[in-house]
Each structure stands twice: as structure tokens, then as C-alpha cells.
Amino acid sequence: MSQPKLLLLGPPGAGKGTQSSNLVERFGVEHVTTGDALRSNKGMDISDLGLEYDTPGEYMDAGELVPDAVVNEIVKTALEEADGFVLDGYPRNLDQAEYLDSITDLDVVASLSVSRDELVGRLTGRRVCSDCGTNYHVEFDQPEEEGVCDECGSDLVQRDDDTEETVRERLRVFDENTQPVIDFYDEQGELVEIDGEGTPDEVWANLEAAVEERL
């Protein structure tokens, strides 16, 4: 039997990265993210799509948003090469969801549900090592010495996109673009909603049980 095909949805700060890693380890699937797929396929020939550029890398180098048609092709390639996967960060809009629905049959679609205030607290409290990139949190995952990375001793900083104003804008964009994706799967009767507000272990226990029940 082939490995399961899983889709994990949720807003920024919901814990998709952590729970995707758990799914990869538990079910032996590949973790497919849009960012990783784009970076590993920067040189893909997309000239037949009739777009402005001939490779995804040209959009990225120009600082332009990669068109849905390109992202769709890259994700399709990544999924075809994977024996089972957990898809994280795609689809981001309804058009992408409908495209995904046309190219693969998902076994489980899970959505991590977290309140707005909780998301803002998680994201604005994140601190990142300025050198090695290790993540910490002012409340949930503090370093041994305040403001100093445990791994390399460099200063911890707040990323520009983790300020409250930016975080609230990211969540607004999520509501506008990606909430319709969640509604799409819900209307199809495929959506499994997971309470994402517990500890990572508590969320994982609920997610693992929900996935196993549907496989």
C-alpha cells in the first residue's frame, strides 16, 4: 500500500511546521512545502506556459510573486515524485485548491484551529538567532540566557514580519485568501478540524488520532 497523502492547513503561527514534522516521522511521508519546492525547482522550464519568465527562479530573483500556474506545476511535480506526503503551505487560495483536487486524491485534510489572540501572541513572541536561525519564544521556549542563543551565543532578534502590525496583516491576508480553501474542504466533507491551542504534544495526540482514524 502506498503511503498516505495528507494536507495540513492553518494560519501563520498555528504550528503547521511542528506538526508536519511529526506526520513525516510517524507515517513515513515526505514534507512538501511550496517554498522548498520552489527553491529546488528554480531552473524548471516553464516557457510553455506563455508567462513573463521562462523559469520560476526569474520571478524569485526579481522579487515578484510566482504565478499560480507556476506554483501548480512545481507542486504537481513534487507530489508525483513522492510516495506519500504531507502538504504544508499549499493550496493558498481557492484556485489552487481546485487544481490540487484535480491532480490527486487526498487521504486526510486537517486544519489546525487557533484563536486570533493566541496567534498574535505566538508570532509576536518569536525570537530568532541572528546567526544560526534557531527559533525561541519569549513565553513558550526561552533560551537559558535572555536574548542569547543557546546554540551559538549570538543575539536573538525579532523578525520584521513578527511585529504585531505585520502579524495582524498576515492573518488578514490568510483570512482573505486561504479561509476559502478551508471552507472548500469543509463543504466537501473532507475537513478534520484539530484544536491547535494545546501544547505541541497535546495537538499532536489529537492530530495523530484523527489521521489514523481516517486511514
C-alpha atoms as a PDB file:
ATOM      1  CA  MET A   1       0.000   0.000   0.000  1.00  0.00           C
ATOM      2  CA  SER A   2       1.310   3.438  -0.887  1.00  0.00           C
ATOM      3  CA  GLN A   3       1.945   5.969   1.848  1.00  0.00           C
ATOM      4  CA  PRO A   4      -0.856   8.389   2.838  1.00  0.00           C
ATOM      5  CA  LYS A   5      -1.462  11.735   1.147  1.00  0.00           C
ATOM      6  CA  LEU A   6      -2.035  14.373   3.809  1.00  0.00           C
ATOM      7  CA  LEU A   7      -2.846  18.086   3.693  1.00  0.00           C
ATOM      8  CA  LEU A   8      -2.292  20.276   6.755  1.00  0.00           C
ATOM      9  CA  LEU A   9      -3.971  23.688   6.810  1.00  0.00           C
ATOM     10  CA  GLY A  10      -3.892  26.537   9.306  1.00  0.00           C
ATOM     11  CA  PRO A  11      -2.956  30.199   9.732  1.00  0.00           C
ATOM     12  CA  PRO A  12       0.563  31.502  10.410  1.00  0.00           C
ATOM     13  CA  GLY A  13       1.572  30.533  13.932  1.00  0.00           C
ATOM     14  CA  ALA A  14      -0.758  27.543  14.141  1.00  0.00           C
ATOM     15  CA  GLY A  15       2.140  25.077  14.363  1.00  0.00           C
ATOM     16  CA  LYS A  16       1.987  23.529  10.901  1.00  0.00           C
ATOM     17  CA  GLY A  17       5.759  23.116  10.703  1.00  0.00           C
ATOM     18  CA  THR A  18       5.990  21.262  14.007  1.00  0.00           C
ATOM     19  CA  GLN A  19       3.032  19.008  13.300  1.00  0.00           C
ATOM     20  CA  SER A  20       4.128  18.359   9.705  1.00  0.00           C
ATOM     21  CA  SER A  21       7.442  17.071  11.064  1.00  0.00           C
ATOM     22  CA  ASN A  22       5.535  14.753  13.400  1.00  0.00           C
ATOM     23  CA  LEU A  23       3.449  13.446  10.485  1.00  0.00           C
ATOM     24  CA  VAL A  24       6.586  12.830   8.417  1.00  0.00           C
ATOM     25  CA  GLU A  25       8.165  10.817  11.222  1.00  0.00           C
ATOM     26  CA  ARG A  26       5.028   8.887  12.156  1.00  0.00           C
ATOM     27  CA  PHE A  27       3.763   7.970   8.698  1.00  0.00           C
ATOM     28  CA  GLY A  28       6.989   7.894   6.667  1.00  0.00           C
ATOM     29  CA  VAL A  29       5.876  10.516   4.152  1.00  0.00           C
ATOM     30  CA  GLU A  30       7.668  13.454   2.552  1.00  0.00           C
ATOM     31  CA  HIS A  31       7.170  17.024   3.765  1.00  0.00           C
ATOM     32  CA  VAL A  32       6.246  19.098   0.710  1.00  0.00           C
ATOM     33  CA  THR A  33       6.209  22.864   1.180  1.00  0.00           C
ATOM     34  CA  THR A  34       5.740  25.476  -1.519  1.00  0.00           C
ATOM     35  CA  GLY A  35       8.913  27.308  -0.507  1.00  0.00           C
ATOM     36  CA  ASP A  36      11.111  24.206  -0.626  1.00  0.00           C
ATOM     37  CA  ALA A  37       9.537  23.062  -3.892  1.00  0.00           C
ATOM     38  CA  LEU A  38      10.175  26.469  -5.492  1.00  0.00           C
ATOM     39  CA  ARG A  39      13.766  26.625  -4.295  1.00  0.00           C
ATOM     40  CA  SER A  40      14.560  23.131  -5.585  1.00  0.00           C
ATOM     41  CA  ASN A  41      12.935  23.832  -8.961  1.00  0.00           C
ATOM     42  CA  LYS A  42      14.200  27.360  -9.655  1.00  0.00           C
ATOM     43  CA  GLY A  43      15.504  26.285 -13.056  1.00  0.00           C
ATOM     44  CA  MET A  44      12.406  24.388 -14.225  1.00  0.00           C
ATOM     45  CA  ASP A  45      11.498  25.187 -17.840  1.00  0.00           C
ATOM     46  CA  ILE A  46       8.071  26.869 -17.792  1.00  0.00           C
ATOM     47  CA  SER A  47       8.365  28.537 -21.187  1.00  0.00           C
ATOM     48  CA  ASP A  48       5.407  26.522 -22.476  1.00  0.00           C
ATOM     49  CA  LEU A  49       3.116  28.336 -20.017  1.00  0.00           C
ATOM     50  CA  GLY A  50       3.453  31.566 -22.018  1.00  0.00           C
ATOM     51  CA  LEU A  51       4.289  33.722 -18.995  1.00  0.00           C
ATOM     52  CA  GLU A  52       6.662  36.647 -18.487  1.00  0.00           C
ATOM     53  CA  TYR A  53       9.628  34.484 -17.446  1.00  0.00           C
ATOM     54  CA  ASP A  54      10.870  31.060 -18.518  1.00  0.00           C
ATOM     55  CA  THR A  55      11.882  29.742 -15.062  1.00  0.00           C
ATOM     56  CA  PRO A  56      10.494  30.133 -11.516  1.00  0.00           C
ATOM     57  CA  GLY A  57      13.877  31.447 -10.403  1.00  0.00           C
ATOM     58  CA  GLU A  58      13.494  34.524 -12.577  1.00  0.00           C
ATOM     59  CA  TYR A  59      10.329  35.525 -10.682  1.00  0.00           C
ATOM     60  CA  MET A  60      12.075  34.916  -7.372  1.00  0.00           C
ATOM     61  CA  ASP A  61      15.201  36.861  -8.362  1.00  0.00           C
ATOM     62  CA  ALA A  62      13.022  39.780  -9.491  1.00  0.00           C
ATOM     63  CA  GLY A  63      11.208  39.753  -6.149  1.00  0.00           C
ATOM     64  CA  GLU A  64       7.899  39.073  -7.882  1.00  0.00           C
ATOM     65  CA  LEU A  65       5.103  36.791  -6.753  1.00  0.00           C
ATOM     66  CA  VAL A  66       5.341  33.457  -8.540  1.00  0.00           C
ATOM     67  CA  PRO A  67       2.099  32.955 -10.539  1.00  0.00           C
ATOM     68  CA  ASP A  68      -0.329  30.218  -9.526  1.00  0.00           C
ATOM     69  CA  ALA A  69       0.246  28.391 -12.822  1.00  0.00           C
ATOM     70  CA  VAL A  70       3.942  28.024 -11.977  1.00  0.00           C
ATOM     71  CA  VAL A  71       3.369  27.031  -8.351  1.00  0.00           C
ATOM     72  CA  ASN A  72       0.809  24.456  -9.504  1.00  0.00           C
ATOM     73  CA  GLU A  73       3.288  22.842 -11.914  1.00  0.00           C
ATOM     74  CA  ILE A  74       6.018  22.700  -9.286  1.00  0.00           C
ATOM     75  CA  VAL A  75       3.729  21.204  -6.643  1.00  0.00           C
ATOM     76  CA  LYS A  76       2.416  18.660  -9.161  1.00  0.00           C
ATOM     77  CA  THR A  77       5.981  17.557  -9.919  1.00  0.00           C
ATOM     78  CA  ALA A  78       6.861  17.304  -6.220  1.00  0.00           C
ATOM     79  CA  LEU A  79       3.779  15.208  -5.447  1.00  0.00           C
ATOM     80  CA  GLU A  80       4.368  12.876  -8.388  1.00  0.00           C
ATOM     81  CA  GLU A  81       7.879  12.186  -7.115  1.00  0.00           C
ATOM     82  CA  ALA A  82       6.744  11.478  -3.541  1.00  0.00           C
ATOM     83  CA  ASP A  83       5.477   8.156  -2.188  1.00  0.00           C
ATOM     84  CA  GLY A  84       3.123   9.748   0.294  1.00  0.00           C
ATOM     85  CA  PHE A  85       3.338  13.320   1.519  1.00  0.00           C
ATOM     86  CA  VAL A  86       2.185  15.952   3.950  1.00  0.00           C
ATOM     87  CA  LEU A  87       1.493  19.155   2.037  1.00  0.00           C
ATOM     88  CA  ASP A  88       2.104  22.355   4.014  1.00  0.00           C
ATOM     89  CA  GLY A  89       1.693  25.912   2.691  1.00  0.00           C
ATOM     90  CA  TYR A  90      -0.326  24.930  -0.377  1.00  0.00           C
ATOM     91  CA  PRO A  91      -3.039  25.484  -1.515  1.00  0.00           C
ATOM     92  CA  ARG A  92      -3.091  29.166  -0.515  1.00  0.00           C
ATOM     93  CA  ASN A  93      -6.212  30.112  -2.450  1.00  0.00           C
ATOM     94  CA  LEU A  94      -9.355  28.555  -3.888  1.00  0.00           C
ATOM     95  CA  ASP A  95      -7.965  28.247  -7.430  1.00  0.00           C
ATOM     96  CA  GLN A  96      -5.001  26.263  -6.116  1.00  0.00           C
ATOM     97  CA  ALA A  97      -7.329  24.063  -4.045  1.00  0.00           C
ATOM     98  CA  GLU A  98      -9.430  23.246  -7.095  1.00  0.00           C
ATOM     99  CA  TYR A  99      -6.276  22.469  -9.083  1.00  0.00           C
ATOM    100  CA  LEU A 100      -4.976  20.188  -6.330  1.00  0.00           C
ATOM    101  CA  ASP A 101      -8.340  18.432  -6.256  1.00  0.00           C
ATOM    102  CA  SER A 102      -7.948  17.700  -9.982  1.00  0.00           C
ATOM    103  CA  ILE A 103      -4.487  16.088  -9.754  1.00  0.00           C
ATOM    104  CA  THR A 104      -4.562  13.969  -6.585  1.00  0.00           C
ATOM    105  CA  ASP A 105      -6.871  12.252  -4.096  1.00  0.00           C
ATOM    106  CA  LEU A 106      -6.061  13.297  -0.543  1.00  0.00           C
ATOM    107  CA  ASP A 107      -6.498  10.795   2.293  1.00  0.00           C
ATOM    108  CA  VAL A 108      -6.794  13.355   5.095  1.00  0.00           C
ATOM    109  CA  VAL A 109      -7.293  17.145   5.146  1.00  0.00           C
ATOM    110  CA  ALA A 110      -6.621  18.529   8.638  1.00  0.00           C
ATOM    111  CA  SER A 111      -6.917  22.137   9.766  1.00  0.00           C
ATOM    112  CA  LEU A 112      -5.285  23.496  12.934  1.00  0.00           C
ATOM    113  CA  SER A 113      -7.738  25.874  14.615  1.00  0.00           C
ATOM    114  CA  VAL A 114      -6.235  28.643  16.788  1.00  0.00           C
ATOM    115  CA  SER A 115      -7.806  31.900  18.014  1.00  0.00           C
ATOM    116  CA  ARG A 116      -6.595  35.229  16.649  1.00  0.00           C
ATOM    117  CA  ASP A 117      -5.260  36.477  20.019  1.00  0.00           C
ATOM    118  CA  GLU A 118      -3.334  33.251  20.532  1.00  0.00           C
ATOM    119  CA  LEU A 119      -1.788  33.504  17.063  1.00  0.00           C
ATOM    120  CA  VAL A 120      -0.733  37.114  17.639  1.00  0.00           C
ATOM    121  CA  GLY A 121       0.858  36.148  20.953  1.00  0.00           C
ATOM    122  CA  ARG A 122       2.739  33.248  19.423  1.00  0.00           C
ATOM    123  CA  LEU A 123       4.064  35.171  16.438  1.00  0.00           C
ATOM    124  CA  THR A 124       4.977  38.443  18.151  1.00  0.00           C
ATOM    125  CA  GLY A 125       6.775  36.497  20.891  1.00  0.00           C
ATOM    126  CA  ARG A 126       9.026  34.636  18.483  1.00  0.00           C
ATOM    127  CA  ARG A 127      12.736  35.416  18.604  1.00  0.00           C
ATOM    128  CA  VAL A 128      15.283  34.177  16.089  1.00  0.00           C
ATOM    129  CA  CYS A 129      19.053  33.799  16.373  1.00  0.00           C
ATOM    130  CA  SER A 130      20.701  36.433  14.182  1.00  0.00           C
ATOM    131  CA  ASP A 131      23.415  33.943  13.212  1.00  0.00           C
ATOM    132  CA  CYS A 132      22.233  30.315  13.133  1.00  0.00           C
ATOM    133  CA  GLY A 133      18.485  30.939  12.792  1.00  0.00           C
ATOM    134  CA  THR A 134      17.367  28.873  15.813  1.00  0.00           C
ATOM    135  CA  ASN A 135      13.851  29.841  16.947  1.00  0.00           C
ATOM    136  CA  TYR A 136      12.831  30.713  20.513  1.00  0.00           C
ATOM    137  CA  HIS A 137       9.787  32.259  22.159  1.00  0.00           C
ATOM    138  CA  VAL A 138       9.601  34.768  24.998  1.00  0.00           C
ATOM    139  CA  GLU A 139       6.974  32.656  26.772  1.00  0.00           C
ATOM    140  CA  PHE A 140       6.987  29.074  25.476  1.00  0.00           C
ATOM    141  CA  ASP A 141      10.602  28.357  24.549  1.00  0.00           C
ATOM    142  CA  GLN A 142      13.020  30.677  26.318  1.00  0.00           C
ATOM    143  CA  PRO A 143      16.814  30.470  25.952  1.00  0.00           C
ATOM    144  CA  GLU A 144      18.930  29.778  29.022  1.00  0.00           C
ATOM    145  CA  GLU A 145      20.170  33.391  28.956  1.00  0.00           C
ATOM    146  CA  GLU A 146      17.684  36.061  27.901  1.00  0.00           C
ATOM    147  CA  GLY A 147      18.369  37.389  24.419  1.00  0.00           C
ATOM    148  CA  VAL A 148      21.216  34.938  23.740  1.00  0.00           C
ATOM    149  CA  CYS A 149      21.099  31.823  21.545  1.00  0.00           C
ATOM    150  CA  ASP A 150      21.787  28.548  23.374  1.00  0.00           C
ATOM    151  CA  GLU A 151      23.294  27.041  20.221  1.00  0.00           C
ATOM    152  CA  CYS A 152      25.874  29.630  19.185  1.00  0.00           C
ATOM    153  CA  GLY A 153      25.760  32.535  21.660  1.00  0.00           C
ATOM    154  CA  SER A 154      24.600  35.124  19.127  1.00  0.00           C
ATOM    155  CA  ASP A 155      21.931  37.760  19.795  1.00  0.00           C
ATOM    156  CA  LEU A 156      18.247  36.910  19.413  1.00  0.00           C
ATOM    157  CA  VAL A 157      16.158  39.307  17.341  1.00  0.00           C
ATOM    158  CA  GLN A 158      12.518  39.835  16.456  1.00  0.00           C
ATOM    159  CA  ARG A 159      11.974  39.450  12.722  1.00  0.00           C
ATOM    160  CA  ASP A 160      10.374  42.359  10.894  1.00  0.00           C
ATOM    161  CA  ASP A 161       7.405  40.177   9.960  1.00  0.00           C
ATOM    162  CA  ASP A 162       6.810  39.252  13.630  1.00  0.00           C
ATOM    163  CA  THR A 163       5.777  42.731  14.819  1.00  0.00           C
ATOM    164  CA  GLU A 164       2.124  42.979  15.872  1.00  0.00           C
ATOM    165  CA  GLU A 165       1.140  45.224  12.959  1.00  0.00           C
ATOM    166  CA  THR A 166       2.707  42.878  10.412  1.00  0.00           C
ATOM    167  CA  VAL A 167       1.328  39.776  12.117  1.00  0.00           C
ATOM    168  CA  ARG A 168      -2.229  41.122  12.046  1.00  0.00           C
ATOM    169  CA  GLU A 169      -1.842  41.961   8.359  1.00  0.00           C
ATOM    170  CA  ARG A 170      -0.552  38.423   7.619  1.00  0.00           C
ATOM    171  CA  LEU A 171      -3.567  36.982   9.412  1.00  0.00           C
ATOM    172  CA  ARG A 172      -5.914  39.287   7.487  1.00  0.00           C
ATOM    173  CA  VAL A 173      -4.397  38.087   4.209  1.00  0.00           C
ATOM    174  CA  PHE A 174      -4.806  34.493   5.387  1.00  0.00           C
ATOM    175  CA  ASP A 175      -8.480  35.090   6.144  1.00  0.00           C
ATOM    176  CA  GLU A 176      -8.998  36.673   2.745  1.00  0.00           C
ATOM    177  CA  ASN A 177      -7.116  34.130   0.620  1.00  0.00           C
ATOM    178  CA  THR A 178      -6.882  30.844   2.494  1.00  0.00           C
ATOM    179  CA  GLN A 179     -10.013  30.664   4.636  1.00  0.00           C
ATOM    180  CA  PRO A 180     -11.986  29.883   1.424  1.00  0.00           C
ATOM    181  CA  VAL A 181      -9.690  26.860   0.994  1.00  0.00           C
ATOM    182  CA  ILE A 182     -10.693  25.557   4.427  1.00  0.00           C
ATOM    183  CA  ASP A 183     -14.346  26.197   3.576  1.00  0.00           C
ATOM    184  CA  PHE A 184     -13.874  24.322   0.264  1.00  0.00           C
ATOM    185  CA  TYR A 185     -12.761  21.130   2.005  1.00  0.00           C
ATOM    186  CA  ASP A 186     -15.332  21.565   4.757  1.00  0.00           C
ATOM    187  CA  GLU A 187     -18.150  21.772   2.210  1.00  0.00           C
ATOM    188  CA  GLN A 188     -16.841  18.590   0.584  1.00  0.00           C
ATOM    189  CA  GLY A 189     -16.996  16.814   3.930  1.00  0.00           C
ATOM    190  CA  GLU A 190     -13.245  16.161   3.903  1.00  0.00           C
ATOM    191  CA  LEU A 191     -12.089  18.561   6.613  1.00  0.00           C
ATOM    192  CA  VAL A 192     -10.901  17.407  10.034  1.00  0.00           C
ATOM    193  CA  GLU A 193     -10.615  20.318  12.470  1.00  0.00           C
ATOM    194  CA  ILE A 194      -7.951  19.992  15.162  1.00  0.00           C
ATOM    195  CA  ASP A 195      -7.791  22.213  18.261  1.00  0.00           C
ATOM    196  CA  GLY A 196      -4.369  23.843  17.882  1.00  0.00           C
ATOM    197  CA  GLU A 197      -4.320  25.706  21.205  1.00  0.00           C
ATOM    198  CA  GLY A 198      -2.906  22.991  23.467  1.00  0.00           C
ATOM    199  CA  THR A 199       0.750  22.126  23.949  1.00  0.00           C
ATOM    200  CA  PRO A 200       2.512  20.757  20.843  1.00  0.00           C
ATOM    201  CA  ASP A 201       2.251  17.250  22.335  1.00  0.00           C
ATOM    202  CA  GLU A 202      -1.481  17.635  23.013  1.00  0.00           C
ATOM    203  CA  VAL A 203      -2.123  18.921  19.499  1.00  0.00           C
ATOM    204  CA  TRP A 204      -0.083  16.069  18.050  1.00  0.00           C
ATOM    205  CA  ALA A 205      -2.017  13.458  20.019  1.00  0.00           C
ATOM    206  CA  ASN A 206      -5.301  14.761  18.604  1.00  0.00           C
ATOM    207  CA  LEU A 207      -3.903  15.083  15.075  1.00  0.00           C
ATOM    208  CA  GLU A 208      -2.359  11.626  15.069  1.00  0.00           C
ATOM    209  CA  ALA A 209      -5.597  10.041  16.297  1.00  0.00           C
ATOM    210  CA  ALA A 210      -7.649  11.891  13.670  1.00  0.00           C
ATOM    211  CA  VAL A 211      -5.354  10.828  10.845  1.00  0.00           C
ATOM    212  CA  GLU A 212      -5.216   7.210  11.950  1.00  0.00           C
ATOM    213  CA  GLU A 213      -8.996   7.089  12.226  1.00  0.00           C
ATOM    214  CA  ARG A 214      -9.383   8.118   8.581  1.00  0.00           C
ATOM    215  CA  LEU A 215      -6.660   5.992   7.004  1.00  0.00           C
END
